[in-house]
PDBML (XML) file of the C-alpha atoms, coordinates in Angstrom:
<?xml version="1.0" encoding="UTF-8" ?>
<PDBx:datablock datablockName="MODEL"
   xmlns:PDBx="http://pdbml.pdb.org/schema/pdbx-v50.xsd"
   xmlns:xsi="http://www.w3.org/2001/XMLSchema-instance"
   xsi:schemaLocation="http://pdbml.pdb.org/schema/pdbx-v50.xsd pdbx-v50.xsd">
   <PDBx:atom_siteCategory>
      <PDBx:atom_site id="1">
         <PDBx:B_iso_or_equiv>0.00</PDBx:B_iso_or_equiv>
         <PDBx:Cartn_x>-8.884</PDBx:Cartn_x>
         <PDBx:Cartn_y>11.132</PDBx:Cartn_y>
         <PDBx:Cartn_z>-6.001</PDBx:Cartn_z>
         <PDBx:auth_asym_id>A</PDBx:auth_asym_id>
         <PDBx:auth_atom_id>CA</PDBx:auth_atom_id>
         <PDBx:auth_comp_id>GLU</PDBx:auth_comp_id>
         <PDBx:auth_seq_id>1</PDBx:auth_seq_id>
         <PDBx:group_PDB>ATOM</PDBx:group_PDB>
         <PDBx:label_alt_id xsi:nil="true" />
         <PDBx:label_asym_id>A</PDBx:label_asym_id>
         <PDBx:label_atom_id>CA</PDBx:label_atom_id>
         <PDBx:label_comp_id>GLU</PDBx:label_comp_id>
         <PDBx:label_entity_id>1</PDBx:label_entity_id>
         <PDBx:label_seq_id>1</PDBx:label_seq_id>
         <PDBx:occupancy>1.00</PDBx:occupancy>
         <PDBx:pdbx_PDB_model_num>1</PDBx:pdbx_PDB_model_num>
         <PDBx:type_symbol>C</PDBx:type_symbol>
      </PDBx:atom_site>
      <PDBx:atom_site id="2">
         <PDBx:B_iso_or_equiv>0.00</PDBx:B_iso_or_equiv>
         <PDBx:Cartn_x>-9.193</PDBx:Cartn_x>
         <PDBx:Cartn_y>10.516</PDBx:Cartn_y>
         <PDBx:Cartn_z>-2.325</PDBx:Cartn_z>
         <PDBx:auth_asym_id>A</PDBx:auth_asym_id>
         <PDBx:auth_atom_id>CA</PDBx:auth_atom_id>
         <PDBx:auth_comp_id>THR</PDBx:auth_comp_id>
         <PDBx:auth_seq_id>2</PDBx:auth_seq_id>
         <PDBx:group_PDB>ATOM</PDBx:group_PDB>
         <PDBx:label_alt_id xsi:nil="true" />
         <PDBx:label_asym_id>A</PDBx:label_asym_id>
         <PDBx:label_atom_id>CA</PDBx:label_atom_id>
         <PDBx:label_comp_id>THR</PDBx:label_comp_id>
         <PDBx:label_entity_id>1</PDBx:label_entity_id>
         <PDBx:label_seq_id>2</PDBx:label_seq_id>
         <PDBx:occupancy>1.00</PDBx:occupancy>
         <PDBx:pdbx_PDB_model_num>1</PDBx:pdbx_PDB_model_num>
         <PDBx:type_symbol>C</PDBx:type_symbol>
      </PDBx:atom_site>
      <PDBx:atom_site id="3">
         <PDBx:B_iso_or_equiv>0.00</PDBx:B_iso_or_equiv>
         <PDBx:Cartn_x>-9.703</PDBx:Cartn_x>
         <PDBx:Cartn_y>6.907</PDBx:Cartn_y>
         <PDBx:Cartn_z>-2.379</PDBx:Cartn_z>
         <PDBx:auth_asym_id>A</PDBx:auth_asym_id>
         <PDBx:auth_atom_id>CA</PDBx:auth_atom_id>
         <PDBx:auth_comp_id>TYR</PDBx:auth_comp_id>
         <PDBx:auth_seq_id>3</PDBx:auth_seq_id>
         <PDBx:group_PDB>ATOM</PDBx:group_PDB>
         <PDBx:label_alt_id xsi:nil="true" />
         <PDBx:label_asym_id>A</PDBx:label_asym_id>
         <PDBx:label_atom_id>CA</PDBx:label_atom_id>
         <PDBx:label_comp_id>TYR</PDBx:label_comp_id>
         <PDBx:label_entity_id>1</PDBx:label_entity_id>
         <PDBx:label_seq_id>3</PDBx:label_seq_id>
         <PDBx:occupancy>1.00</PDBx:occupancy>
         <PDBx:pdbx_PDB_model_num>1</PDBx:pdbx_PDB_model_num>
         <PDBx:type_symbol>C</PDBx:type_symbol>
      </PDBx:atom_site>
      <PDBx:atom_site id="4">
         <PDBx:B_iso_or_equiv>0.00</PDBx:B_iso_or_equiv>
         <PDBx:Cartn_x>-6.733</PDBx:Cartn_x>
         <PDBx:Cartn_y>6.325</PDBx:Cartn_y>
         <PDBx:Cartn_z>-4.656</PDBx:Cartn_z>
         <PDBx:auth_asym_id>A</PDBx:auth_asym_id>
         <PDBx:auth_atom_id>CA</PDBx:auth_atom_id>
         <PDBx:auth_comp_id>LYS</PDBx:auth_comp_id>
         <PDBx:auth_seq_id>4</PDBx:auth_seq_id>
         <PDBx:group_PDB>ATOM</PDBx:group_PDB>
         <PDBx:label_alt_id xsi:nil="true" />
         <PDBx:label_asym_id>A</PDBx:label_asym_id>
         <PDBx:label_atom_id>CA</PDBx:label_atom_id>
         <PDBx:label_comp_id>LYS</PDBx:label_comp_id>
         <PDBx:label_entity_id>1</PDBx:label_entity_id>
         <PDBx:label_seq_id>4</PDBx:label_seq_id>
         <PDBx:occupancy>1.00</PDBx:occupancy>
         <PDBx:pdbx_PDB_model_num>1</PDBx:pdbx_PDB_model_num>
         <PDBx:type_symbol>C</PDBx:type_symbol>
      </PDBx:atom_site>
      <PDBx:atom_site id="5">
         <PDBx:B_iso_or_equiv>0.00</PDBx:B_iso_or_equiv>
         <PDBx:Cartn_x>-4.464</PDBx:Cartn_x>
         <PDBx:Cartn_y>8.307</PDBx:Cartn_y>
         <PDBx:Cartn_z>-2.413</PDBx:Cartn_z>
         <PDBx:auth_asym_id>A</PDBx:auth_asym_id>
         <PDBx:auth_atom_id>CA</PDBx:auth_atom_id>
         <PDBx:auth_comp_id>LYS</PDBx:auth_comp_id>
         <PDBx:auth_seq_id>5</PDBx:auth_seq_id>
         <PDBx:group_PDB>ATOM</PDBx:group_PDB>
         <PDBx:label_alt_id xsi:nil="true" />
         <PDBx:label_asym_id>A</PDBx:label_asym_id>
         <PDBx:label_atom_id>CA</PDBx:label_atom_id>
         <PDBx:label_comp_id>LYS</PDBx:label_comp_id>
         <PDBx:label_entity_id>1</PDBx:label_entity_id>
         <PDBx:label_seq_id>5</PDBx:label_seq_id>
         <PDBx:occupancy>1.00</PDBx:occupancy>
         <PDBx:pdbx_PDB_model_num>1</PDBx:pdbx_PDB_model_num>
         <PDBx:type_symbol>C</PDBx:type_symbol>
      </PDBx:atom_site>
      <PDBx:atom_site id="6">
         <PDBx:B_iso_or_equiv>0.00</PDBx:B_iso_or_equiv>
         <PDBx:Cartn_x>-5.664</PDBx:Cartn_x>
         <PDBx:Cartn_y>6.226</PDBx:Cartn_y>
         <PDBx:Cartn_z>0.753</PDBx:Cartn_z>
         <PDBx:auth_asym_id>A</PDBx:auth_asym_id>
         <PDBx:auth_atom_id>CA</PDBx:auth_atom_id>
         <PDBx:auth_comp_id>TYR</PDBx:auth_comp_id>
         <PDBx:auth_seq_id>6</PDBx:auth_seq_id>
         <PDBx:group_PDB>ATOM</PDBx:group_PDB>
         <PDBx:label_alt_id xsi:nil="true" />
         <PDBx:label_asym_id>A</PDBx:label_asym_id>
         <PDBx:label_atom_id>CA</PDBx:label_atom_id>
         <PDBx:label_comp_id>TYR</PDBx:label_comp_id>
         <PDBx:label_entity_id>1</PDBx:label_entity_id>
         <PDBx:label_seq_id>6</PDBx:label_seq_id>
         <PDBx:occupancy>1.00</PDBx:occupancy>
         <PDBx:pdbx_PDB_model_num>1</PDBx:pdbx_PDB_model_num>
         <PDBx:type_symbol>C</PDBx:type_symbol>
      </PDBx:atom_site>
      <PDBx:atom_site id="7">
         <PDBx:B_iso_or_equiv>0.00</PDBx:B_iso_or_equiv>
         <PDBx:Cartn_x>-5.128</PDBx:Cartn_x>
         <PDBx:Cartn_y>2.711</PDBx:Cartn_y>
         <PDBx:Cartn_z>-1.745</PDBx:Cartn_z>
         <PDBx:auth_asym_id>A</PDBx:auth_asym_id>
         <PDBx:auth_atom_id>CA</PDBx:auth_atom_id>
         <PDBx:auth_comp_id>TYR</PDBx:auth_comp_id>
         <PDBx:auth_seq_id>7</PDBx:auth_seq_id>
         <PDBx:group_PDB>ATOM</PDBx:group_PDB>
         <PDBx:label_alt_id xsi:nil="true" />
         <PDBx:label_asym_id>A</PDBx:label_asym_id>
         <PDBx:label_atom_id>CA</PDBx:label_atom_id>
         <PDBx:label_comp_id>TYR</PDBx:label_comp_id>
         <PDBx:label_entity_id>1</PDBx:label_entity_id>
         <PDBx:label_seq_id>7</PDBx:label_seq_id>
         <PDBx:occupancy>1.00</PDBx:occupancy>
         <PDBx:pdbx_PDB_model_num>1</PDBx:pdbx_PDB_model_num>
         <PDBx:type_symbol>C</PDBx:type_symbol>
      </PDBx:atom_site>
      <PDBx:atom_site id="8">
         <PDBx:B_iso_or_equiv>0.00</PDBx:B_iso_or_equiv>
         <PDBx:Cartn_x>-1.705</PDBx:Cartn_x>
         <PDBx:Cartn_y>3.765</PDBx:Cartn_y>
         <PDBx:Cartn_z>-2.517</PDBx:Cartn_z>
         <PDBx:auth_asym_id>A</PDBx:auth_asym_id>
         <PDBx:auth_atom_id>CA</PDBx:auth_atom_id>
         <PDBx:auth_comp_id>CYS</PDBx:auth_comp_id>
         <PDBx:auth_seq_id>8</PDBx:auth_seq_id>
         <PDBx:group_PDB>ATOM</PDBx:group_PDB>
         <PDBx:label_alt_id xsi:nil="true" />
         <PDBx:label_asym_id>A</PDBx:label_asym_id>
         <PDBx:label_atom_id>CA</PDBx:label_atom_id>
         <PDBx:label_comp_id>CYS</PDBx:label_comp_id>
         <PDBx:label_entity_id>1</PDBx:label_entity_id>
         <PDBx:label_seq_id>8</PDBx:label_seq_id>
         <PDBx:occupancy>1.00</PDBx:occupancy>
         <PDBx:pdbx_PDB_model_num>1</PDBx:pdbx_PDB_model_num>
         <PDBx:type_symbol>C</PDBx:type_symbol>
      </PDBx:atom_site>
      <PDBx:atom_site id="9">
         <PDBx:B_iso_or_equiv>0.00</PDBx:B_iso_or_equiv>
         <PDBx:Cartn_x>-0.803</PDBx:Cartn_x>
         <PDBx:Cartn_y>4.848</PDBx:Cartn_y>
         <PDBx:Cartn_z>0.964</PDBx:Cartn_z>
         <PDBx:auth_asym_id>A</PDBx:auth_asym_id>
         <PDBx:auth_atom_id>CA</PDBx:auth_atom_id>
         <PDBx:auth_comp_id>GLY</PDBx:auth_comp_id>
         <PDBx:auth_seq_id>9</PDBx:auth_seq_id>
         <PDBx:group_PDB>ATOM</PDBx:group_PDB>
         <PDBx:label_alt_id xsi:nil="true" />
         <PDBx:label_asym_id>A</PDBx:label_asym_id>
         <PDBx:label_atom_id>CA</PDBx:label_atom_id>
         <PDBx:label_comp_id>GLY</PDBx:label_comp_id>
         <PDBx:label_entity_id>1</PDBx:label_entity_id>
         <PDBx:label_seq_id>9</PDBx:label_seq_id>
         <PDBx:occupancy>1.00</PDBx:occupancy>
         <PDBx:pdbx_PDB_model_num>1</PDBx:pdbx_PDB_model_num>
         <PDBx:type_symbol>C</PDBx:type_symbol>
      </PDBx:atom_site>
      <PDBx:atom_site id="10">
         <PDBx:B_iso_or_equiv>0.00</PDBx:B_iso_or_equiv>
         <PDBx:Cartn_x>-1.907</PDBx:Cartn_x>
         <PDBx:Cartn_y>1.039</PDBx:Cartn_y>
         <PDBx:Cartn_z>1.888</PDBx:Cartn_z>
         <PDBx:auth_asym_id>A</PDBx:auth_asym_id>
         <PDBx:auth_atom_id>CA</PDBx:auth_atom_id>
         <PDBx:auth_comp_id>LEU</PDBx:auth_comp_id>
         <PDBx:auth_seq_id>10</PDBx:auth_seq_id>
         <PDBx:group_PDB>ATOM</PDBx:group_PDB>
         <PDBx:label_alt_id xsi:nil="true" />
         <PDBx:label_asym_id>A</PDBx:label_asym_id>
         <PDBx:label_atom_id>CA</PDBx:label_atom_id>
         <PDBx:label_comp_id>LEU</PDBx:label_comp_id>
         <PDBx:label_entity_id>1</PDBx:label_entity_id>
         <PDBx:label_seq_id>10</PDBx:label_seq_id>
         <PDBx:occupancy>1.00</PDBx:occupancy>
         <PDBx:pdbx_PDB_model_num>1</PDBx:pdbx_PDB_model_num>
         <PDBx:type_symbol>C</PDBx:type_symbol>
      </PDBx:atom_site>
      <PDBx:atom_site id="11">
         <PDBx:B_iso_or_equiv>0.00</PDBx:B_iso_or_equiv>
         <PDBx:Cartn_x>0.369</PDBx:Cartn_x>
         <PDBx:Cartn_y>-0.138</PDBx:Cartn_y>
         <PDBx:Cartn_z>-0.458</PDBx:Cartn_z>
         <PDBx:auth_asym_id>A</PDBx:auth_asym_id>
         <PDBx:auth_atom_id>CA</PDBx:auth_atom_id>
         <PDBx:auth_comp_id>CYS</PDBx:auth_comp_id>
         <PDBx:auth_seq_id>11</PDBx:auth_seq_id>
         <PDBx:group_PDB>ATOM</PDBx:group_PDB>
         <PDBx:label_alt_id xsi:nil="true" />
         <PDBx:label_asym_id>A</PDBx:label_asym_id>
         <PDBx:label_atom_id>CA</PDBx:label_atom_id>
         <PDBx:label_comp_id>CYS</PDBx:label_comp_id>
         <PDBx:label_entity_id>1</PDBx:label_entity_id>
         <PDBx:label_seq_id>11</PDBx:label_seq_id>
         <PDBx:occupancy>1.00</PDBx:occupancy>
         <PDBx:pdbx_PDB_model_num>1</PDBx:pdbx_PDB_model_num>
         <PDBx:type_symbol>C</PDBx:type_symbol>
      </PDBx:atom_site>
      <PDBx:atom_site id="12">
         <PDBx:B_iso_or_equiv>0.00</PDBx:B_iso_or_equiv>
         <PDBx:Cartn_x>3.105</PDBx:Cartn_x>
         <PDBx:Cartn_y>2.215</PDBx:Cartn_y>
         <PDBx:Cartn_z>0.411</PDBx:Cartn_z>
         <PDBx:auth_asym_id>A</PDBx:auth_asym_id>
         <PDBx:auth_atom_id>CA</PDBx:auth_atom_id>
         <PDBx:auth_comp_id>HIS</PDBx:auth_comp_id>
         <PDBx:auth_seq_id>12</PDBx:auth_seq_id>
         <PDBx:group_PDB>ATOM</PDBx:group_PDB>
         <PDBx:label_alt_id xsi:nil="true" />
         <PDBx:label_asym_id>A</PDBx:label_asym_id>
         <PDBx:label_atom_id>CA</PDBx:label_atom_id>
         <PDBx:label_comp_id>HIS</PDBx:label_comp_id>
         <PDBx:label_entity_id>1</PDBx:label_entity_id>
         <PDBx:label_seq_id>12</PDBx:label_seq_id>
         <PDBx:occupancy>1.00</PDBx:occupancy>
         <PDBx:pdbx_PDB_model_num>1</PDBx:pdbx_PDB_model_num>
         <PDBx:type_symbol>C</PDBx:type_symbol>
      </PDBx:atom_site>
      <PDBx:atom_site id="13">
         <PDBx:B_iso_or_equiv>0.00</PDBx:B_iso_or_equiv>
         <PDBx:Cartn_x>2.675</PDBx:Cartn_x>
         <PDBx:Cartn_y>0.947</PDBx:Cartn_y>
         <PDBx:Cartn_z>4.192</PDBx:Cartn_z>
         <PDBx:auth_asym_id>A</PDBx:auth_asym_id>
         <PDBx:auth_atom_id>CA</PDBx:auth_atom_id>
         <PDBx:auth_comp_id>ASP</PDBx:auth_comp_id>
         <PDBx:auth_seq_id>13</PDBx:auth_seq_id>
         <PDBx:group_PDB>ATOM</PDBx:group_PDB>
         <PDBx:label_alt_id xsi:nil="true" />
         <PDBx:label_asym_id>A</PDBx:label_asym_id>
         <PDBx:label_atom_id>CA</PDBx:label_atom_id>
         <PDBx:label_comp_id>ASP</PDBx:label_comp_id>
         <PDBx:label_entity_id>1</PDBx:label_entity_id>
         <PDBx:label_seq_id>13</PDBx:label_seq_id>
         <PDBx:occupancy>1.00</PDBx:occupancy>
         <PDBx:pdbx_PDB_model_num>1</PDBx:pdbx_PDB_model_num>
         <PDBx:type_symbol>C</PDBx:type_symbol>
      </PDBx:atom_site>
      <PDBx:atom_site id="14">
         <PDBx:B_iso_or_equiv>0.00</PDBx:B_iso_or_equiv>
         <PDBx:Cartn_x>2.559</PDBx:Cartn_x>
         <PDBx:Cartn_y>-2.793</PDBx:Cartn_y>
         <PDBx:Cartn_z>3.411</PDBx:Cartn_z>
         <PDBx:auth_asym_id>A</PDBx:auth_asym_id>
         <PDBx:auth_atom_id>CA</PDBx:auth_atom_id>
         <PDBx:auth_comp_id>LEU</PDBx:auth_comp_id>
         <PDBx:auth_seq_id>14</PDBx:auth_seq_id>
         <PDBx:group_PDB>ATOM</PDBx:group_PDB>
         <PDBx:label_alt_id xsi:nil="true" />
         <PDBx:label_asym_id>A</PDBx:label_asym_id>
         <PDBx:label_atom_id>CA</PDBx:label_atom_id>
         <PDBx:label_comp_id>LEU</PDBx:label_comp_id>
         <PDBx:label_entity_id>1</PDBx:label_entity_id>
         <PDBx:label_seq_id>14</PDBx:label_seq_id>
         <PDBx:occupancy>1.00</PDBx:occupancy>
         <PDBx:pdbx_PDB_model_num>1</PDBx:pdbx_PDB_model_num>
         <PDBx:type_symbol>C</PDBx:type_symbol>
      </PDBx:atom_site>
      <PDBx:atom_site id="15">
         <PDBx:B_iso_or_equiv>0.00</PDBx:B_iso_or_equiv>
         <PDBx:Cartn_x>6.060</PDBx:Cartn_x>
         <PDBx:Cartn_y>-2.091</PDBx:Cartn_y>
         <PDBx:Cartn_z>1.497</PDBx:Cartn_z>
         <PDBx:auth_asym_id>A</PDBx:auth_asym_id>
         <PDBx:auth_atom_id>CA</PDBx:auth_atom_id>
         <PDBx:auth_comp_id>LYS</PDBx:auth_comp_id>
         <PDBx:auth_seq_id>15</PDBx:auth_seq_id>
         <PDBx:group_PDB>ATOM</PDBx:group_PDB>
         <PDBx:label_alt_id xsi:nil="true" />
         <PDBx:label_asym_id>A</PDBx:label_asym_id>
         <PDBx:label_atom_id>CA</PDBx:label_atom_id>
         <PDBx:label_comp_id>LYS</PDBx:label_comp_id>
         <PDBx:label_entity_id>1</PDBx:label_entity_id>
         <PDBx:label_seq_id>15</PDBx:label_seq_id>
         <PDBx:occupancy>1.00</PDBx:occupancy>
         <PDBx:pdbx_PDB_model_num>1</PDBx:pdbx_PDB_model_num>
         <PDBx:type_symbol>C</PDBx:type_symbol>
      </PDBx:atom_site>
      <PDBx:atom_site id="16">
         <PDBx:B_iso_or_equiv>0.00</PDBx:B_iso_or_equiv>
         <PDBx:Cartn_x>7.592</PDBx:Cartn_x>
         <PDBx:Cartn_y>-1.680</PDBx:Cartn_y>
         <PDBx:Cartn_z>4.928</PDBx:Cartn_z>
         <PDBx:auth_asym_id>A</PDBx:auth_asym_id>
         <PDBx:auth_atom_id>CA</PDBx:auth_atom_id>
         <PDBx:auth_comp_id>ARG</PDBx:auth_comp_id>
         <PDBx:auth_seq_id>16</PDBx:auth_seq_id>
         <PDBx:group_PDB>ATOM</PDBx:group_PDB>
         <PDBx:label_alt_id xsi:nil="true" />
         <PDBx:label_asym_id>A</PDBx:label_asym_id>
         <PDBx:label_atom_id>CA</PDBx:label_atom_id>
         <PDBx:label_comp_id>ARG</PDBx:label_comp_id>
         <PDBx:label_entity_id>1</PDBx:label_entity_id>
         <PDBx:label_seq_id>16</PDBx:label_seq_id>
         <PDBx:occupancy>1.00</PDBx:occupancy>
         <PDBx:pdbx_PDB_model_num>1</PDBx:pdbx_PDB_model_num>
         <PDBx:type_symbol>C</PDBx:type_symbol>
      </PDBx:atom_site>
      <PDBx:atom_site id="17">
         <PDBx:B_iso_or_equiv>0.00</PDBx:B_iso_or_equiv>
         <PDBx:Cartn_x>6.940</PDBx:Cartn_x>
         <PDBx:Cartn_y>-5.467</PDBx:Cartn_y>
         <PDBx:Cartn_z>5.671</PDBx:Cartn_z>
         <PDBx:auth_asym_id>A</PDBx:auth_asym_id>
         <PDBx:auth_atom_id>CA</PDBx:auth_atom_id>
         <PDBx:auth_comp_id>TYR</PDBx:auth_comp_id>
         <PDBx:auth_seq_id>17</PDBx:auth_seq_id>
         <PDBx:group_PDB>ATOM</PDBx:group_PDB>
         <PDBx:label_alt_id xsi:nil="true" />
         <PDBx:label_asym_id>A</PDBx:label_asym_id>
         <PDBx:label_atom_id>CA</PDBx:label_atom_id>
         <PDBx:label_comp_id>TYR</PDBx:label_comp_id>
         <PDBx:label_entity_id>1</PDBx:label_entity_id>
         <PDBx:label_seq_id>17</PDBx:label_seq_id>
         <PDBx:occupancy>1.00</PDBx:occupancy>
         <PDBx:pdbx_PDB_model_num>1</PDBx:pdbx_PDB_model_num>
         <PDBx:type_symbol>C</PDBx:type_symbol>
      </PDBx:atom_site>
      <PDBx:atom_site id="18">
         <PDBx:B_iso_or_equiv>0.00</PDBx:B_iso_or_equiv>
         <PDBx:Cartn_x>8.442</PDBx:Cartn_x>
         <PDBx:Cartn_y>-6.216</PDBx:Cartn_y>
         <PDBx:Cartn_z>2.617</PDBx:Cartn_z>
         <PDBx:auth_asym_id>A</PDBx:auth_asym_id>
         <PDBx:auth_atom_id>CA</PDBx:auth_atom_id>
         <PDBx:auth_comp_id>GLY</PDBx:auth_comp_id>
         <PDBx:auth_seq_id>18</PDBx:auth_seq_id>
         <PDBx:group_PDB>ATOM</PDBx:group_PDB>
         <PDBx:label_alt_id xsi:nil="true" />
         <PDBx:label_asym_id>A</PDBx:label_asym_id>
         <PDBx:label_atom_id>CA</PDBx:label_atom_id>
         <PDBx:label_comp_id>GLY</PDBx:label_comp_id>
         <PDBx:label_entity_id>1</PDBx:label_entity_id>
         <PDBx:label_seq_id>18</PDBx:label_seq_id>
         <PDBx:occupancy>1.00</PDBx:occupancy>
         <PDBx:pdbx_PDB_model_num>1</PDBx:pdbx_PDB_model_num>
         <PDBx:type_symbol>C</PDBx:type_symbol>
      </PDBx:atom_site>
      <PDBx:atom_site id="19">
         <PDBx:B_iso_or_equiv>0.00</PDBx:B_iso_or_equiv>
         <PDBx:Cartn_x>7.696</PDBx:Cartn_x>
         <PDBx:Cartn_y>-6.317</PDBx:Cartn_y>
         <PDBx:Cartn_z>-1.136</PDBx:Cartn_z>
         <PDBx:auth_asym_id>A</PDBx:auth_asym_id>
         <PDBx:auth_atom_id>CA</PDBx:auth_atom_id>
         <PDBx:auth_comp_id>GLY</PDBx:auth_comp_id>
         <PDBx:auth_seq_id>19</PDBx:auth_seq_id>
         <PDBx:group_PDB>ATOM</PDBx:group_PDB>
         <PDBx:label_alt_id xsi:nil="true" />
         <PDBx:label_asym_id>A</PDBx:label_asym_id>
         <PDBx:label_atom_id>CA</PDBx:label_atom_id>
         <PDBx:label_comp_id>GLY</PDBx:label_comp_id>
         <PDBx:label_entity_id>1</PDBx:label_entity_id>
         <PDBx:label_seq_id>19</PDBx:label_seq_id>
         <PDBx:occupancy>1.00</PDBx:occupancy>
         <PDBx:pdbx_PDB_model_num>1</PDBx:pdbx_PDB_model_num>
         <PDBx:type_symbol>C</PDBx:type_symbol>
      </PDBx:atom_site>
      <PDBx:atom_site id="20">
         <PDBx:B_iso_or_equiv>0.00</PDBx:B_iso_or_equiv>
         <PDBx:Cartn_x>5.560</PDBx:Cartn_x>
         <PDBx:Cartn_y>-9.680</PDBx:Cartn_y>
         <PDBx:Cartn_z>-1.192</PDBx:Cartn_z>
         <PDBx:auth_asym_id>A</PDBx:auth_asym_id>
         <PDBx:auth_atom_id>CA</PDBx:auth_atom_id>
         <PDBx:auth_comp_id>PHE</PDBx:auth_comp_id>
         <PDBx:auth_seq_id>20</PDBx:auth_seq_id>
         <PDBx:group_PDB>ATOM</PDBx:group_PDB>
         <PDBx:label_alt_id xsi:nil="true" />
         <PDBx:label_asym_id>A</PDBx:label_asym_id>
         <PDBx:label_atom_id>CA</PDBx:label_atom_id>
         <PDBx:label_comp_id>PHE</PDBx:label_comp_id>
         <PDBx:label_entity_id>1</PDBx:label_entity_id>
         <PDBx:label_seq_id>20</PDBx:label_seq_id>
         <PDBx:occupancy>1.00</PDBx:occupancy>
         <PDBx:pdbx_PDB_model_num>1</PDBx:pdbx_PDB_model_num>
         <PDBx:type_symbol>C</PDBx:type_symbol>
      </PDBx:atom_site>
      <PDBx:atom_site id="21">
         <PDBx:B_iso_or_equiv>0.00</PDBx:B_iso_or_equiv>
         <PDBx:Cartn_x>3.417</PDBx:Cartn_x>
         <PDBx:Cartn_y>-7.887</PDBx:Cartn_y>
         <PDBx:Cartn_z>1.557</PDBx:Cartn_z>
         <PDBx:auth_asym_id>A</PDBx:auth_asym_id>
         <PDBx:auth_atom_id>CA</PDBx:auth_atom_id>
         <PDBx:auth_comp_id>ALA</PDBx:auth_comp_id>
         <PDBx:auth_seq_id>21</PDBx:auth_seq_id>
         <PDBx:group_PDB>ATOM</PDBx:group_PDB>
         <PDBx:label_alt_id xsi:nil="true" />
         <PDBx:label_asym_id>A</PDBx:label_asym_id>
         <PDBx:label_atom_id>CA</PDBx:label_atom_id>
         <PDBx:label_comp_id>ALA</PDBx:label_comp_id>
         <PDBx:label_entity_id>1</PDBx:label_entity_id>
         <PDBx:label_seq_id>21</PDBx:label_seq_id>
         <PDBx:occupancy>1.00</PDBx:occupancy>
         <PDBx:pdbx_PDB_model_num>1</PDBx:pdbx_PDB_model_num>
         <PDBx:type_symbol>C</PDBx:type_symbol>
      </PDBx:atom_site>
      <PDBx:atom_site id="22">
         <PDBx:B_iso_or_equiv>0.00</PDBx:B_iso_or_equiv>
         <PDBx:Cartn_x>2.020</PDBx:Cartn_x>
         <PDBx:Cartn_y>-5.417</PDBx:Cartn_y>
         <PDBx:Cartn_z>-1.231</PDBx:Cartn_z>
         <PDBx:auth_asym_id>A</PDBx:auth_asym_id>
         <PDBx:auth_atom_id>CA</PDBx:auth_atom_id>
         <PDBx:auth_comp_id>THR</PDBx:auth_comp_id>
         <PDBx:auth_seq_id>22</PDBx:auth_seq_id>
         <PDBx:group_PDB>ATOM</PDBx:group_PDB>
         <PDBx:label_alt_id xsi:nil="true" />
         <PDBx:label_asym_id>A</PDBx:label_asym_id>
         <PDBx:label_atom_id>CA</PDBx:label_atom_id>
         <PDBx:label_comp_id>THR</PDBx:label_comp_id>
         <PDBx:label_entity_id>1</PDBx:label_entity_id>
         <PDBx:label_seq_id>22</PDBx:label_seq_id>
         <PDBx:occupancy>1.00</PDBx:occupancy>
         <PDBx:pdbx_PDB_model_num>1</PDBx:pdbx_PDB_model_num>
         <PDBx:type_symbol>C</PDBx:type_symbol>
      </PDBx:atom_site>
      <PDBx:atom_site id="23">
         <PDBx:B_iso_or_equiv>0.00</PDBx:B_iso_or_equiv>
         <PDBx:Cartn_x>-0.202</PDBx:Cartn_x>
         <PDBx:Cartn_y>-8.728</PDBx:Cartn_y>
         <PDBx:Cartn_z>-2.564</PDBx:Cartn_z>
         <PDBx:auth_asym_id>A</PDBx:auth_asym_id>
         <PDBx:auth_atom_id>CA</PDBx:auth_atom_id>
         <PDBx:auth_comp_id>HIS</PDBx:auth_comp_id>
         <PDBx:auth_seq_id>23</PDBx:auth_seq_id>
         <PDBx:group_PDB>ATOM</PDBx:group_PDB>
         <PDBx:label_alt_id xsi:nil="true" />
         <PDBx:label_asym_id>A</PDBx:label_asym_id>
         <PDBx:label_atom_id>CA</PDBx:label_atom_id>
         <PDBx:label_comp_id>HIS</PDBx:label_comp_id>
         <PDBx:label_entity_id>1</PDBx:label_entity_id>
         <PDBx:label_seq_id>23</PDBx:label_seq_id>
         <PDBx:occupancy>1.00</PDBx:occupancy>
         <PDBx:pdbx_PDB_model_num>1</PDBx:pdbx_PDB_model_num>
         <PDBx:type_symbol>C</PDBx:type_symbol>
      </PDBx:atom_site>
      <PDBx:atom_site id="24">
         <PDBx:B_iso_or_equiv>0.00</PDBx:B_iso_or_equiv>
         <PDBx:Cartn_x>-2.048</PDBx:Cartn_x>
         <PDBx:Cartn_y>-8.524</PDBx:Cartn_y>
         <PDBx:Cartn_z>0.730</PDBx:Cartn_z>
         <PDBx:auth_asym_id>A</PDBx:auth_asym_id>
         <PDBx:auth_atom_id>CA</PDBx:auth_atom_id>
         <PDBx:auth_comp_id>ALA</PDBx:auth_comp_id>
         <PDBx:auth_seq_id>24</PDBx:auth_seq_id>
         <PDBx:group_PDB>ATOM</PDBx:group_PDB>
         <PDBx:label_alt_id xsi:nil="true" />
         <PDBx:label_asym_id>A</PDBx:label_asym_id>
         <PDBx:label_atom_id>CA</PDBx:label_atom_id>
         <PDBx:label_comp_id>ALA</PDBx:label_comp_id>
         <PDBx:label_entity_id>1</PDBx:label_entity_id>
         <PDBx:label_seq_id>24</PDBx:label_seq_id>
         <PDBx:occupancy>1.00</PDBx:occupancy>
         <PDBx:pdbx_PDB_model_num>1</PDBx:pdbx_PDB_model_num>
         <PDBx:type_symbol>C</PDBx:type_symbol>
      </PDBx:atom_site>
   </PDBx:atom_siteCategory>
</PDBx:datablock>
């Protein structure tokens, strides 16, 4: 669960650069 939360947190923060960034 902790790992999933960090994974989703990275996705959340990538969106600051635009939706395209989540593909990174």
